Amino acid sequence: MNRKTQIKNFVVSTFLFGDGGQLKEDISFLEGGIIDSTGILELVMFLEETFNIKVSQEEMLPENLDSINNIDAFLTRKTTAAHVPQPAH
């Protein structure tokens, strides 16, 4: 199962009570009334546990977390950054 499918399944089961027929990958969770500010915290916990990342307070922004596409791009940046070797001091 790919990341976008995992994210969509979580959002549908947690916030839409299994009715994900209208959920598109680019729909804003906040503007669409799908997830509120409390729901974002649930979403962050899911992302951290599922994808083995840490989401900082500064990263909790709509451009990172407000749609399936935004989350997928955010995860790509997070996982790519984690694999970039750091310069030795």
PDB file of N, CA and C in Angstrom:
ATOM      1  N   MET A   1       0.851  -1.183   0.000  1.00  0.00           N
ATOM      2  CA  MET A   1       0.000   0.000   0.000  1.00  0.00           C
ATOM      3  C   MET A   1       0.896   1.245   0.000  1.00  0.00           C
ATOM      4  N   ASN A   2       0.644   2.171  -0.908  1.00  0.00           N
ATOM      5  CA  ASN A   2       1.491   3.361  -0.974  1.00  0.00           C
ATOM      6  C   ASN A   2       1.103   4.372   0.110  1.00  0.00           C
ATOM      7  N   ARG A   3       1.958   5.377   0.289  1.00  0.00           N
ATOM      8  CA  ARG A   3       1.749   6.365   1.356  1.00  0.00           C
ATOM      9  C   ARG A   3       0.425   7.094   1.231  1.00  0.00           C
ATOM     10  N   LYS A   4       0.111   7.541   0.018  1.00  0.00           N
ATOM     11  CA  LYS A   4      -1.131   8.303  -0.160  1.00  0.00           C
ATOM     12  C   LYS A   4      -2.346   7.467   0.226  1.00  0.00           C
ATOM     13  N   THR A   5      -2.319   6.195  -0.102  1.00  0.00           N
ATOM     14  CA  THR A   5      -3.425   5.302   0.254  1.00  0.00           C
ATOM     15  C   THR A   5      -3.502   5.141   1.767  1.00  0.00           C
ATOM     16  N   GLN A   6      -2.364   4.986   2.418  1.00  0.00           N
ATOM     17  CA  GLN A   6      -2.337   4.869   3.878  1.00  0.00           C
ATOM     18  C   GLN A   6      -2.903   6.127   4.533  1.00  0.00           C
ATOM     19  N   ILE A   7      -2.504   7.286   4.042  1.00  0.00           N
ATOM     20  CA  ILE A   7      -2.977   8.559   4.593  1.00  0.00           C
ATOM     21  C   ILE A   7      -4.485   8.687   4.368  1.00  0.00           C
ATOM     22  N   LYS A   8      -4.918   8.416   3.144  1.00  0.00           N
ATOM     23  CA  LYS A   8      -6.350   8.519   2.841  1.00  0.00           C
ATOM     24  C   LYS A   8      -7.153   7.558   3.711  1.00  0.00           C
ATOM     25  N   ASN A   9      -6.695   6.320   3.863  1.00  0.00           N
ATOM     26  CA  ASN A   9      -7.414   5.355   4.688  1.00  0.00           C
ATOM     27  C   ASN A   9      -7.540   5.835   6.127  1.00  0.00           C
ATOM     28  N   PHE A  10      -6.477   6.426   6.661  1.00  0.00           N
ATOM     29  CA  PHE A  10      -6.525   6.952   8.025  1.00  0.00           C
ATOM     30  C   PHE A  10      -7.538   8.085   8.132  1.00  0.00           C
ATOM     31  N   VAL A  11      -7.480   9.035   7.214  1.00  0.00           N
ATOM     32  CA  VAL A  11      -8.395  10.183   7.253  1.00  0.00           C
ATOM     33  C   VAL A  11      -9.845   9.713   7.106  1.00  0.00           C
ATOM     34  N   VAL A  12     -10.084   8.817   6.179  1.00  0.00           N
ATOM     35  CA  VAL A  12     -11.452   8.315   5.955  1.00  0.00           C
ATOM     36  C   VAL A  12     -11.964   7.588   7.193  1.00  0.00           C
ATOM     37  N   SER A  13     -11.168   6.704   7.756  1.00  0.00           N
ATOM     38  CA  SER A  13     -11.647   5.918   8.899  1.00  0.00           C
ATOM     39  C   SER A  13     -11.750   6.749  10.174  1.00  0.00           C
ATOM     40  N   THR A  14     -10.863   7.726  10.351  1.00  0.00           N
ATOM     41  CA  THR A  14     -10.832   8.506  11.591  1.00  0.00           C
ATOM     42  C   THR A  14     -11.765   9.709  11.564  1.00  0.00           C
ATOM     43  N   PHE A  15     -11.834  10.401  10.442  1.00  0.00           N
ATOM     44  CA  PHE A  15     -12.571  11.665  10.403  1.00  0.00           C
ATOM     45  C   PHE A  15     -13.831  11.633   9.548  1.00  0.00           C
ATOM     46  N   LEU A  16     -13.902  10.733   8.596  1.00  0.00           N
ATOM     47  CA  LEU A  16     -15.065  10.688   7.695  1.00  0.00           C
ATOM     48  C   LEU A  16     -15.929   9.444   7.938  1.00  0.00           C
ATOM     49  N   PHE A  17     -15.606   8.697   8.970  1.00  0.00           N
ATOM     50  CA  PHE A  17     -16.402   7.538   9.363  1.00  0.00           C
ATOM     51  C   PHE A  17     -16.643   6.575   8.211  1.00  0.00           C
ATOM     52  N   GLY A  18     -15.590   6.368   7.428  1.00  0.00           N
ATOM     53  CA  GLY A  18     -15.641   5.390   6.345  1.00  0.00           C
ATOM     54  C   GLY A  18     -16.198   5.899   5.040  1.00  0.00           C
ATOM     55  N   ASP A  19     -16.640   7.162   4.984  1.00  0.00           N
ATOM     56  CA  ASP A  19     -17.226   7.707   3.761  1.00  0.00           C
ATOM     57  C   ASP A  19     -16.223   8.616   3.053  1.00  0.00           C
ATOM     58  N   GLY A  20     -15.335   8.000   2.275  1.00  0.00           N
ATOM     59  CA  GLY A  20     -14.287   8.774   1.618  1.00  0.00           C
ATOM     60  C   GLY A  20     -14.513   8.988   0.141  1.00  0.00           C
ATOM     61  N   GLY A  21     -15.737   8.817  -0.325  1.00  0.00           N
ATOM     62  CA  GLY A  21     -16.031   8.919  -1.743  1.00  0.00           C
ATOM     63  C   GLY A  21     -15.656  10.256  -2.364  1.00  0.00           C
ATOM     64  N   GLN A  22     -15.777  11.321  -1.583  1.00  0.00           N
ATOM     65  CA  GLN A  22     -15.494  12.661  -2.119  1.00  0.00           C
ATOM     66  C   GLN A  22     -14.092  13.157  -1.800  1.00  0.00           C
ATOM     67  N   LEU A  23     -13.321  12.368  -1.066  1.00  0.00           N
ATOM     68  CA  LEU A  23     -11.993  12.817  -0.654  1.00  0.00           C
ATOM     69  C   LEU A  23     -10.998  12.670  -1.796  1.00  0.00           C
ATOM     70  N   LYS A  24     -10.540  13.814  -2.295  1.00  0.00           N
ATOM     71  CA  LYS A  24      -9.531  13.850  -3.349  1.00  0.00           C
ATOM     72  C   LYS A  24      -8.187  14.202  -2.725  1.00  0.00           C
ATOM     73  N   GLU A  25      -7.108  13.882  -3.415  1.00  0.00           N
ATOM     74  CA  GLU A  25      -5.772  14.071  -2.867  1.00  0.00           C
ATOM     75  C   GLU A  25      -5.384  15.531  -2.658  1.00  0.00           C
ATOM     76  N   ASP A  26      -6.070  16.460  -3.339  1.00  0.00           N
ATOM     77  CA  ASP A  26      -5.703  17.870  -3.210  1.00  0.00           C
ATOM     78  C   ASP A  26      -6.718  18.694  -2.415  1.00  0.00           C
ATOM     79  N   ILE A  27      -7.721  18.058  -1.818  1.00  0.00           N
ATOM     80  CA  ILE A  27      -8.725  18.781  -1.032  1.00  0.00           C
ATOM     81  C   ILE A  27      -8.125  19.204   0.306  1.00  0.00           C
ATOM     82  N   SER A  28      -8.336  20.482   0.670  1.00  0.00           N
ATOM     83  CA  SER A  28      -7.876  20.997   1.959  1.00  0.00           C
ATOM     84  C   SER A  28      -8.704  20.385   3.077  1.00  0.00           C
ATOM     85  N   PHE A  29      -8.018  19.764   4.034  1.00  0.00           N
ATOM     86  CA  PHE A  29      -8.721  19.175   5.173  1.00  0.00           C
ATOM     87  C   PHE A  29      -9.426  20.245   5.999  1.00  0.00           C
ATOM     88  N   LEU A  30      -8.758  21.378   6.215  1.00  0.00           N
ATOM     89  CA  LEU A  30      -9.332  22.439   7.042  1.00  0.00           C
ATOM     90  C   LEU A  30     -10.479  23.140   6.332  1.00  0.00           C
ATOM     91  N   GLU A  31     -10.261  23.573   5.088  1.00  0.00           N
ATOM     92  CA  GLU A  31     -11.314  24.267   4.341  1.00  0.00           C
ATOM     93  C   GLU A  31     -12.508  23.363   4.066  1.00  0.00           C
ATOM     94  N   GLY A  32     -12.245  22.081   3.886  1.00  0.00           N
ATOM     95  CA  GLY A  32     -13.320  21.134   3.623  1.00  0.00           C
ATOM     96  C   GLY A  32     -14.044  20.669   4.877  1.00  0.00           C
ATOM     97  N   GLY A  33     -13.602  21.147   6.043  1.00  0.00           N
ATOM     98  CA  GLY A  33     -14.228  20.758   7.295  1.00  0.00           C
ATOM     99  C   GLY A  33     -13.987  19.296   7.650  1.00  0.00           C
ATOM    100  N   ILE A  34     -12.931  18.724   7.107  1.00  0.00           N
ATOM    101  CA  ILE A  34     -12.638  17.303   7.329  1.00  0.00           C
ATOM    102  C   ILE A  34     -11.897  17.104   8.643  1.00  0.00           C
ATOM    103  N   ILE A  35     -10.917  17.962   8.904  1.00  0.00           N
ATOM    104  CA  ILE A  35     -10.105  17.869  10.119  1.00  0.00           C
ATOM    105  C   ILE A  35     -10.055  19.253  10.769  1.00  0.00           C
ATOM    106  N   ASP A  36     -10.248  19.284  12.092  1.00  0.00           N
ATOM    107  CA  ASP A  36     -10.101  20.545  12.826  1.00  0.00           C
ATOM    108  C   ASP A  36      -8.731  20.567  13.507  1.00  0.00           C
ATOM    109  N   SER A  37      -8.481  21.573  14.313  1.00  0.00           N
ATOM    110  CA  SER A  37      -7.154  21.709  14.925  1.00  0.00           C
ATOM    111  C   SER A  37      -6.825  20.535  15.846  1.00  0.00           C
ATOM    112  N   THR A  38      -7.799  19.984  16.537  1.00  0.00           N
ATOM    113  CA  THR A  38      -7.559  18.811  17.378  1.00  0.00           C
ATOM    114  C   THR A  38      -7.242  17.601  16.507  1.00  0.00           C
ATOM    115  N   GLY A  39      -7.931  17.480  15.378  1.00  0.00           N
ATOM    116  CA  GLY A  39      -7.698  16.381  14.459  1.00  0.00           C
ATOM    117  C   GLY A  39      -6.298  16.395  13.874  1.00  0.00           C
ATOM    118  N   ILE A  40      -5.746  17.594  13.717  1.00  0.00           N
ATOM    119  CA  ILE A  40      -4.375  17.702  13.195  1.00  0.00           C
ATOM    120  C   ILE A  40      -3.413  16.980  14.132  1.00  0.00           C
ATOM    121  N   LEU A  41      -3.641  17.083  15.432  1.00  0.00           N
ATOM    122  CA  LEU A  41      -2.773  16.395  16.389  1.00  0.00           C
ATOM    123  C   LEU A  41      -2.879  14.882  16.229  1.00  0.00           C
ATOM    124  N   GLU A  42      -4.081  14.378  15.999  1.00  0.00           N
ATOM    125  CA  GLU A  42      -4.263  12.942  15.733  1.00  0.00           C
ATOM    126  C   GLU A  42      -3.531  12.542  14.455  1.00  0.00           C
ATOM    127  N   LEU A  43      -3.654  13.384  13.435  1.00  0.00           N
ATOM    128  CA  LEU A  43      -2.992  13.125  12.168  1.00  0.00           C
ATOM    129  C   LEU A  43      -1.478  13.077  12.353  1.00  0.00           C
ATOM    130  N   VAL A  44      -0.933  14.025  13.108  1.00  0.00           N
ATOM    131  CA  VAL A  44       0.512  14.070  13.356  1.00  0.00           C
ATOM    132  C   VAL A  44       0.968  12.805  14.080  1.00  0.00           C
ATOM    133  N   MET A  45       0.217  12.363  15.078  1.00  0.00           N
ATOM    134  CA  MET A  45       0.580  11.130  15.792  1.00  0.00           C
ATOM    135  C   MET A  45       0.586   9.942  14.840  1.00  0.00           C
ATOM    136  N   PHE A  46      -0.415   9.876  13.968  1.00  0.00           N
ATOM    137  CA  PHE A  46      -0.465   8.809  12.967  1.00  0.00           C
ATOM    138  C   PHE A  46       0.766   8.847  12.065  1.00  0.00           C
ATOM    139  N   LEU A  47       1.113  10.028  11.565  1.00  0.00           N
ATOM    140  CA  LEU A  47       2.262  10.164  10.661  1.00  0.00           C
ATOM    141  C   LEU A  47       3.562   9.768  11.367  1.00  0.00           C
ATOM    142  N   GLU A  48       3.727  10.218  12.610  1.00  0.00           N
ATOM    143  CA  GLU A  48       4.947   9.903  13.340  1.00  0.00           C
ATOM    144  C   GLU A  48       5.078   8.399  13.570  1.00  0.00           C
ATOM    145  N   GLU A  49       3.976   7.758  13.962  1.00  0.00           N
ATOM    146  CA  GLU A  49       4.021   6.321  14.243  1.00  0.00           C
ATOM    147  C   GLU A  49       4.153   5.493  12.966  1.00  0.00           C
ATOM    148  N   THR A  50       3.421   5.869  11.938  1.00  0.00           N
ATOM    149  CA  THR A  50       3.382   5.077  10.713  1.00  0.00           C
ATOM    150  C   THR A  50       4.646   5.219   9.874  1.00  0.00           C
ATOM    151  N   PHE A  51       5.166   6.442   9.792  1.00  0.00           N
ATOM    152  CA  PHE A  51       6.284   6.710   8.892  1.00  0.00           C
ATOM    153  C   PHE A  51       7.602   6.967   9.623  1.00  0.00           C
ATOM    154  N   ASN A  52       7.589   6.751  10.939  1.00  0.00           N
ATOM    155  CA  ASN A  52       8.803   6.847  11.747  1.00  0.00           C
ATOM    156  C   ASN A  52       9.519   8.189  11.554  1.00  0.00           C
ATOM    157  N   ILE A  53       8.746   9.262  11.719  1.00  0.00           N
ATOM    158  CA  ILE A  53       9.293  10.617  11.620  1.00  0.00           C
ATOM    159  C   ILE A  53       8.921  11.373  12.886  1.00  0.00           C
ATOM    160  N   LYS A  54       9.484  12.546  13.050  1.00  0.00           N
ATOM    161  CA  LYS A  54       9.112  13.458  14.120  1.00  0.00           C
ATOM    162  C   LYS A  54       8.666  14.756  13.463  1.00  0.00           C
ATOM    163  N   VAL A  55       7.472  15.224  13.818  1.00  0.00           N
ATOM    164  CA  VAL A  55       6.940  16.474  13.276  1.00  0.00           C
ATOM    165  C   VAL A  55       7.090  17.539  14.354  1.00  0.00           C
ATOM    166  N   SER A  56       7.876  18.567  14.063  1.00  0.00           N
ATOM    167  CA  SER A  56       8.091  19.640  15.040  1.00  0.00           C
ATOM    168  C   SER A  56       6.914  20.612  15.013  1.00  0.00           C
ATOM    169  N   GLN A  57       6.822  21.411  16.056  1.00  0.00           N
ATOM    170  CA  GLN A  57       5.765  22.430  16.148  1.00  0.00           C
ATOM    171  C   GLN A  57       5.818  23.355  14.930  1.00  0.00           C
ATOM    172  N   GLU A  58       7.032  23.714  14.504  1.00  0.00           N
ATOM    173  CA  GLU A  58       7.204  24.627  13.370  1.00  0.00           C
ATOM    174  C   GLU A  58       6.738  24.009  12.055  1.00  0.00           C
ATOM    175  N   GLU A  59       6.694  22.681  11.987  1.00  0.00           N
ATOM    176  CA  GLU A  59       6.282  21.994  10.763  1.00  0.00           C
ATOM    177  C   GLU A  59       4.766  21.777  10.673  1.00  0.00           C
ATOM    178  N   MET A  60       4.045  22.082  11.744  1.00  0.00           N
ATOM    179  CA  MET A  60       2.594  21.885  11.759  1.00  0.00           C
ATOM    180  C   MET A  60       1.911  23.048  11.049  1.00  0.00           C
ATOM    181  N   LEU A  61       2.085  23.075   9.735  1.00  0.00           N
ATOM    182  CA  LEU A  61       1.561  24.138   8.886  1.00  0.00           C
ATOM    183  C   LEU A  61       0.654  23.541   7.821  1.00  0.00           C
ATOM    184  N   PRO A  62      -0.313  24.321   7.330  1.00  0.00           N
ATOM    185  CA  PRO A  62      -1.187  23.809   6.271  1.00  0.00           C
ATOM    186  C   PRO A  62      -0.419  23.319   5.048  1.00  0.00           C
ATOM    187  N   GLU A  63       0.670  24.006   4.677  1.00  0.00           N
ATOM    188  CA  GLU A  63       1.398  23.565   3.479  1.00  0.00           C
ATOM    189  C   GLU A  63       2.032  22.181   3.666  1.00  0.00           C
ATOM    190  N   ASN A  64       2.149  21.732   4.911  1.00  0.00           N
ATOM    191  CA  ASN A  64       2.679  20.389   5.174  1.00  0.00           C
ATOM    192  C   ASN A  64       1.590  19.352   5.428  1.00  0.00           C
ATOM    193  N   LEU A  65       0.466  19.769   6.012  1.00  0.00           N
ATOM    194  CA  LEU A  65      -0.473  18.797   6.567  1.00  0.00           C
ATOM    195  C   LEU A  65      -1.922  18.955   6.112  1.00  0.00           C
ATOM    196  N   ASP A  66      -2.213  19.842   5.170  1.00  0.00           N
ATOM    197  CA  ASP A  66      -3.604  20.174   4.883  1.00  0.00           C
ATOM    198  C   ASP A  66      -4.244  19.410   3.727  1.00  0.00           C
ATOM    199  N   SER A  67      -3.566  18.448   3.154  1.00  0.00           N
ATOM    200  CA  SER A  67      -4.168  17.600   2.125  1.00  0.00           C
ATOM    201  C   SER A  67      -3.308  16.348   1.981  1.00  0.00           C
ATOM    202  N   ILE A  68      -3.830  15.369   1.326  1.00  0.00           N
ATOM    203  CA  ILE A  68      -3.058  14.146   1.095  1.00  0.00           C
ATOM    204  C   ILE A  68      -1.797  14.473   0.303  1.00  0.00           C
ATOM    205  N   ASN A  69      -1.921  15.287  -0.736  1.00  0.00           N
ATOM    206  CA  ASN A  69      -0.750  15.658  -1.546  1.00  0.00           C
ATOM    207  C   ASN A  69       0.282  16.425  -0.725  1.00  0.00           C
ATOM    208  N   ASN A  70      -0.187  17.368   0.127  1.00  0.00           N
ATOM    209  CA  ASN A  70       0.746  18.134   0.963  1.00  0.00           C
ATOM    210  C   ASN A  70       1.495  17.216   1.924  1.00  0.00           C
ATOM    211  N   ILE A  71       0.773  16.281   2.529  1.00  0.00           N
ATOM    212  CA  ILE A  71       1.410  15.357   3.470  1.00  0.00           C
ATOM    213  C   ILE A  71       2.426  14.478   2.750  1.00  0.00           C
ATOM    214  N   ASP A  72       2.065  13.987   1.584  1.00  0.00           N
ATOM    215  CA  ASP A  72       2.988  13.132   0.832  1.00  0.00           C
ATOM    216  C   ASP A  72       4.267  13.897   0.485  1.00  0.00           C
ATOM    217  N   ALA A  73       4.141  15.139   0.038  1.00  0.00           N
ATOM    218  CA  ALA A  73       5.319  15.959  -0.281  1.00  0.00           C
ATOM    219  C   ALA A  73       6.144  16.224   0.979  1.00  0.00           C
ATOM    220  N   PHE A  74       5.472  16.500   2.091  1.00  0.00           N
ATOM    221  CA  PHE A  74       6.147  16.727   3.373  1.00  0.00           C
ATOM    222  C   PHE A  74       6.925  15.478   3.789  1.00  0.00           C
ATOM    223  N   LEU A  75       6.298  14.311   3.686  1.00  0.00           N
ATOM    224  CA  LEU A  75       6.976  13.067   4.039  1.00  0.00           C
ATOM    225  C   LEU A  75       8.180  12.815   3.142  1.00  0.00           C
ATOM    226  N   THR A  76       8.061  13.150   1.868  1.00  0.00           N
ATOM    227  CA  THR A  76       9.191  12.999   0.952  1.00  0.00           C
ATOM    228  C   THR A  76      10.352  13.884   1.405  1.00  0.00           C
ATOM    229  N   ARG A  77      10.045  15.134   1.755  1.00  0.00           N
ATOM    230  CA  ARG A  77      11.103  16.039   2.236  1.00  0.00           C
ATOM    231  C   ARG A  77      11.714  15.523   3.538  1.00  0.00           C
ATOM    232  N   LYS A  78      10.877  15.048   4.460  1.00  0.00           N
ATOM    233  CA  LYS A  78      11.367  14.563   5.748  1.00  0.00           C
ATOM    234  C   LYS A  78      12.259  13.330   5.577  1.00  0.00           C
ATOM    235  N   THR A  79      11.822  12.391   4.778  1.00  0.00           N
ATOM    236  CA  THR A  79      12.583  11.150   4.636  1.00  0.00           C
ATOM    237  C   THR A  79      13.836  11.376   3.798  1.00  0.00           C
ATOM    238  N   THR A  80      13.797  12.288   2.844  1.00  0.00           N
ATOM    239  CA  THR A  80      14.977  12.602   2.046  1.00  0.00           C
ATOM    240  C   THR A  80      16.010  13.316   2.914  1.00  0.00           C
ATOM    241  N   ALA A  81      15.557  14.258   3.725  1.00  0.00           N
ATOM    242  CA  ALA A  81      16.466  14.995   4.603  1.00  0.00           C
ATOM    243  C   ALA A  81      17.116  14.067   5.616  1.00  0.00           C
ATOM    244  N   ALA A  82      16.389  13.051   6.055  1.00  0.00           N
ATOM    245  CA  ALA A  82      16.932  12.113   7.043  1.00  0.00           C
ATOM    246  C   ALA A  82      18.062  11.269   6.470  1.00  0.00           C
ATOM    247  N   HIS A  83      18.102  11.134   5.153  1.00  0.00           N
ATOM    248  CA  HIS A  83      19.116  10.291   4.528  1.00  0.00           C
ATOM    249  C   HIS A  83      20.273  11.078   3.949  1.00  0.00           C
ATOM    250  N   VAL A  84      20.238  12.388   4.073  1.00  0.00           N
ATOM    251  CA  VAL A  84      21.342  13.216   3.567  1.00  0.00           C
ATOM    252  C   VAL A  84      22.457  13.204   4.603  1.00  0.00           C
ATOM    253  N   PRO A  85      23.662  12.800   4.217  1.00  0.00           N
ATOM    254  CA  PRO A  85      24.757  12.780   5.197  1.00  0.00           C
ATOM    255  C   PRO A  85      25.066  14.189   5.692  1.00  0.00           C
ATOM    256  N   GLN A  86      25.285  14.295   6.976  1.00  0.00           N
ATOM    257  CA  GLN A  86      25.622  15.584   7.571  1.00  0.00           C
ATOM    258  C   GLN A  86      27.143  15.775   7.488  1.00  0.00           C
ATOM    259  N   PRO A  87      27.590  16.992   7.234  1.00  0.00           N
ATOM    260  CA  PRO A  87      29.033  17.229   7.151  1.00  0.00           C
ATOM    261  C   PRO A  87      29.693  16.983   8.511  1.00  0.00           C
ATOM    262  N   ALA A  88      30.881  16.419   8.494  1.00  0.00           N
ATOM    263  CA  ALA A  88      31.636  16.170   9.731  1.00  0.00           C
ATOM    264  C   ALA A  88      32.256  17.477  10.224  1.00  0.00           C
ATOM    265  N   HIS A  89      32.349  17.614  11.516  1.00  0.00           N
ATOM    266  CA  HIS A  89      32.965  18.819  12.077  1.00  0.00           C
ATOM    267  C   HIS A  89      34.374  18.532  12.494  1.00  0.00           C
TER     268      HIS A  89
END
